[in-house]
Amino acid sequence: QRMALVSQPTHPAYYEDDVRHHKCNVCLSEFTCPPPTRFELMSSFTGPELAAMISVGFVIGSQKDFSEELEQQIRSMPFLRSNDHWIRGSYLITAVEKDDPTLKLPISNNAMLERLKTVLLDDDLVLSYGDKTFKVVCDGSLAAAQPNSLRNEIQSLKAPCELVFQSEQEYNCGDDHVAAVNLTRPISGARKKAEIDKLVEKLSLNHPAARDIEIIHYNGGPCDPNELAICIVPVGNGQGWNIVKDPKEALKLALSQARKSPVESEFGCAQTVQLKGLKSKNELNGNLGLTLRKDGERWLVRLANGSGIKVKPENMDALSSKNGRVFCFWGDARWSRTQLLGEIARGSWGLCAANITDIISPVEERWKNLYDRLAFAPKSAMSEEYMSRQMNRLSERVRHSGRTSSERESTDASSDITSSSENQSSLALVPTNSAENMDEVEDVDDEEGEHNREG
């Protein structure tokens, strides 16, 4: 029962109710116990502590070998280039939402409607998707129908229309939706960048400083890549950044940070800085930090480990503008909780708590800086089965290496297409950084070496 689930792809579209879940493959007897749910099985592979860490404020990082395997596939099969989102990816989890048991299906033409009628009328008004079943309810175009007349009402429907289905399965948190954005794919311009530019111009009518806000666009992931998923705004409080869905509100927040910046100072709130010239804490020289606020003659700076230190201006180099920043992410990556657990269980991804350097360090260094903090799921039947299939593919390539170029390409195509369906797209138990979690605030004086703790 377990291995029947392990051998299936992790993507929900490929889930199926295998006969081996219910009947022994050797003696053909019916099992007397139900199979584990997919969520229960994947959680057992990762462990409950790791499963609980799929939460907003954590970063999902791709495993090195997984990234190299995808690169190999893309080299041999360029049409798989859409998978390059996952290569050395660093995905900040921005939302975990409960699954909606309602499925709305808009139908645009009568040919599609007639095919759907055939399925529904032959199967007691039930639609199967993967390992789930959904039943038609009195909603959408059938909102005025009575339950006992649904069959007749469906027969008389004409396109365009909308059918609404209700899941027949009980709620399972494994169906929760996880959304994340890739922090490592900046782009020079987004298709709808003009919409952001218009918002800036409108805001600048009353606040001219809005034109000075630094706006950086990212390819956030493969889902809806032309739509703005979220904005991230570096801020001078809390964990050091805010996730904002409304771009207008994001611009206002960035502007508010700029306004907190002292006019006479070359530094401002929520600015990326690099420490230098410290004598009493010389081990911190070269570290990146985020300015939180000015306190007297010094600046309070948040470091990667969540601690704060007070630093003189001459001990900092500014690496970004002090006029406020907005990171716009076009598209995102989405998983069900169970799907992501499965990919973690087989070793494709690790996870750790996000810190400020994941947001402010140079883009080309983010995955590398993240990697040593990632923790991965222990070896299990899931990871062993996945590795076995990877080795079989490698052996197949070696075995056919003596064939002609066209024969090898045909063989690789078959192998890589199978692999790509599985690669649709563990974890460090570190608390998320916040103002409350700053374990120390130190007053660093490079001349006198005095350290005054403020809590």
Foldseek 3Di string as FASTA:
>chain_A
DLVVLLPWFLALQGAADDPVQFAPPPPRHGDPDGHDDLLVSLCVQQPVVQLVPLDAQKKKFFDQVLLVVLVVLCVLPVVLVQLNCRRRWIWGWHDWAFDDQKDKDWDAAVVVLVVVLVVCVVPVQWDDGRHWIWHWDCDWVNVVPDPVCVNVVSVPDGPGTMTMTGTPDDGDLLQIKIWIFTLQFWDPDAPVNVVLVVLLVVVCVVPVLLVVAAETEGAGHDAQQRAWAWKWWQALFWQGIDIGRDSNVNSVRQQVQLVQQDPVDQATAQFKKAFADFALPHVRHRFIWGFRHDDPQWTWTAGQLQATETHHPVGIDTPDHRSTYMYIHRDIAMDRSSSQSLCLSLPGIAMERGHPCCNPPPSVCNSVVCVVQTDGGDHDPSNVVVVVLVVVLVVVLVVCVPPDPVVSSVSSVVSSVVVSVSPSDHYHPDDHHTNVPRPWYWYGDRPPSDTDTDD
